[in-house]
């Protein structure tokens, strides 16, 4: 399955999942750096589709990605965003990250935070704008933590 077929398959597969929830919308699909981006417009069922702590959203991503792998698709990484939830979440995490980084710079004390993988990536990205701060992750699975610390010379 080539890239275009992979995108179309992912888009249709997600539409089928959404119809299970009684949501009949078409997700916008695109390819960004070997990741299929699927954007679902806002509906009355946003909270149901996103789920608590975005678990339903992540589960749908896993389903679509697994289906692509099973079909031997060229592209199997999938990012689903419902009603710009992830975009808004990333903006909030970025704002919080700036506060944490400023605190680390001001106090000199390291900050340890428990975040999911997507949120950790946002903090790493924000921290890259601060030459005197470093971020790294420690631990495995659900016990993985992000550490924000002053750059050691």
Protein backbone atom coordinates (compact mmCIF):
# COMPACT_ATOMS: atom_id res chain seq x y z
CA UNK A 1 0.00 0.00 0.00
CA UNK A 2 1.68 3.25 -1.12
CA UNK A 3 1.52 6.58 0.77
CA UNK A 4 -1.62 7.89 -0.93
CA UNK A 5 -3.42 4.56 -0.44
CA UNK A 6 -2.32 4.55 3.21
CA UNK A 7 -3.76 8.04 3.75
CA UNK A 8 -7.06 7.13 2.08
CA UNK A 9 -7.30 3.86 4.02
CA UNK A 10 -6.61 5.63 7.33
CA UNK A 11 -9.20 8.30 6.55
CA UNK A 12 -11.86 5.70 5.68
CA UNK A 13 -10.99 3.49 8.67
CA UNK A 14 -11.34 6.45 11.02
CA UNK A 15 -14.67 7.39 9.39
CA UNK A 16 -15.87 3.84 10.07
CA UNK A 17 -14.82 4.11 13.73
CA UNK A 18 -16.53 7.49 14.07
CA UNK A 19 -19.75 6.12 12.55
CA UNK A 20 -19.73 3.50 15.31
CA UNK A 21 -20.06 6.44 17.73
CA UNK A 22 -22.87 7.88 15.60
CA UNK A 23 -20.64 10.62 14.23
CA UNK A 24 -20.88 11.04 10.47
CA UNK A 25 -18.13 13.50 9.55
CA UNK A 26 -15.17 13.35 7.19
CA UNK A 27 -11.75 13.73 8.72
CA UNK A 28 -9.27 15.89 6.85
CA UNK A 29 -6.21 13.81 6.00
CA UNK A 30 -2.66 14.82 5.16
CA UNK A 31 0.88 13.50 5.42
CA UNK A 32 3.45 15.34 7.54
CA UNK A 33 6.95 13.84 7.86
CA UNK A 34 5.79 10.21 7.52
CA UNK A 35 2.86 10.72 9.92
CA UNK A 36 -0.71 10.58 8.68
CA UNK A 37 -2.50 13.57 10.21
CA UNK A 38 -6.26 13.11 10.62
CA UNK A 39 -8.26 16.15 11.76
CA UNK A 40 -11.83 15.52 12.90
CA UNK A 41 -14.10 18.58 12.98
CA UNK A 42 -15.96 19.55 16.13
CA UNK A 43 -19.23 17.70 16.85
CA UNK A 44 -21.63 17.29 19.76
CA UNK A 45 -19.67 14.15 20.69
CA UNK A 46 -16.22 15.72 21.20
CA UNK A 47 -15.93 14.68 24.84
CA UNK A 48 -16.96 11.11 24.03
CA UNK A 49 -14.49 10.86 21.15
CA UNK A 50 -11.61 12.39 23.11
CA UNK A 51 -12.32 10.54 26.36
CA UNK A 52 -10.86 11.01 29.81
CA UNK A 53 -7.21 12.06 29.54
CA UNK A 54 -7.59 11.60 25.75
CA UNK A 55 -7.58 7.81 26.17
CA UNK A 56 -10.33 7.25 23.57
CA UNK A 57 -8.44 9.47 21.14
CA UNK A 58 -5.20 7.55 21.67
CA UNK A 59 -7.05 4.25 21.33
CA UNK A 60 -8.45 5.31 17.96
CA UNK A 61 -4.92 6.24 16.85
CA UNK A 62 -3.70 2.80 17.89
CA UNK A 63 -6.55 1.09 16.01
CA UNK A 64 -5.88 3.00 12.78
CA UNK A 65 -2.13 2.51 13.05
CA UNK A 66 -2.53 -1.24 13.72
CA UNK A 67 -4.88 -1.61 10.76
CA UNK A 68 -2.32 0.12 8.53
CA UNK A 69 0.46 -2.19 9.75
CA UNK A 70 -1.74 -5.23 9.13
CA UNK A 71 -2.32 -4.03 5.55
CA UNK A 72 1.42 -3.60 4.96
CA UNK A 73 1.08 0.16 4.49
CA UNK A 74 4.09 2.35 3.67
CA UNK A 75 3.02 4.82 6.38
CA UNK A 76 1.78 3.49 9.72
CA UNK A 77 2.23 6.40 12.16
CA UNK A 78 -1.05 8.22 12.76
CA UNK A 79 -1.95 11.39 14.63
CA UNK A 80 -5.65 12.07 15.18
CA UNK A 81 -6.85 15.44 16.45
CA UNK A 82 -10.48 16.00 17.35
CA UNK A 83 -11.79 19.58 17.35
CA UNK A 84 -8.20 20.87 17.72
CA UNK A 85 -7.97 19.23 21.16
CA UNK A 86 -4.30 18.29 20.74
CA UNK A 87 -3.38 21.69 19.33
CA UNK A 88 -5.02 23.47 22.29
CA UNK A 89 -3.48 20.99 24.73
CA UNK A 90 -0.02 21.58 23.24
CA UNK A 91 -0.46 25.35 23.62
CA UNK A 92 -1.41 24.94 27.30
CA UNK A 93 1.51 22.60 27.96
CA UNK A 94 3.90 25.01 26.19
CA UNK A 95 2.71 27.88 28.40
CA UNK A 96 3.15 25.71 31.52
CA UNK A 97 6.59 24.59 30.30
CA UNK A 98 7.73 28.22 30.03
CA UNK A 99 6.67 28.78 33.65
CA UNK A 100 8.54 25.64 34.78
CA UNK A 101 11.65 26.67 32.84
CA UNK A 102 11.58 30.20 34.27
CA UNK A 103 11.27 28.68 37.75
CA UNK A 104 14.29 26.42 37.12
CA UNK A 105 16.32 29.39 35.86
CA UNK A 106 15.23 31.56 38.82
CA UNK A 107 15.77 28.98 41.59
CA UNK A 108 18.46 26.74 40.13
CA UNK A 109 16.46 23.72 41.29
CA UNK A 110 15.54 20.98 38.83
CA UNK A 111 11.87 20.28 38.14
CA UNK A 112 10.48 16.76 37.70
CA UNK A 113 7.11 16.41 36.01
CA UNK A 114 4.92 13.45 35.10
CA UNK A 115 3.66 13.90 31.53
CA UNK A 116 2.55 11.68 28.70
CA UNK A 117 4.85 11.27 25.70
CA UNK A 118 3.15 13.95 23.57
CA UNK A 119 3.33 16.51 26.37
CA UNK A 120 6.99 15.65 27.07
CA UNK A 121 7.78 16.32 23.39
CA UNK A 122 6.16 19.76 23.70
CA UNK A 123 8.27 20.60 26.77
CA UNK A 124 11.47 19.38 25.05
CA UNK A 125 10.63 21.61 22.09
CA UNK A 126 9.95 24.68 24.26
CA UNK A 127 13.14 24.07 26.27
CA UNK A 128 15.20 24.02 23.07
CA UNK A 129 14.71 27.82 22.96
CA UNK A 130 16.57 28.19 26.28
CA UNK A 131 20.34 27.60 25.91
CA UNK A 132 20.89 27.42 29.68
CA UNK A 133 18.26 24.72 30.27
CA UNK A 134 18.23 21.02 29.45
CA UNK A 135 15.41 18.50 29.50
CA UNK A 136 15.58 14.73 29.55
CA UNK A 137 13.32 11.82 30.38
CA UNK A 138 13.99 9.03 32.85
CA UNK A 139 12.11 5.86 33.68
CA UNK A 140 10.04 3.43 31.66
CA UNK A 141 6.41 3.26 30.58
CA UNK A 142 3.95 4.99 32.89
CA UNK A 143 6.78 5.75 35.33
CA UNK A 144 8.63 7.91 32.77
CA UNK A 145 9.29 11.43 34.08
CA UNK A 146 10.58 14.60 32.46
CA UNK A 147 13.37 16.50 34.20
CA UNK A 148 13.98 20.18 33.52
CA UNK A 149 17.37 21.32 34.79
CA UNK A 150 19.92 24.06 34.34
CA UNK A 151 22.52 23.28 31.68
CA UNK A 152 25.69 21.86 33.21
CA UNK A 153 28.89 23.17 31.71
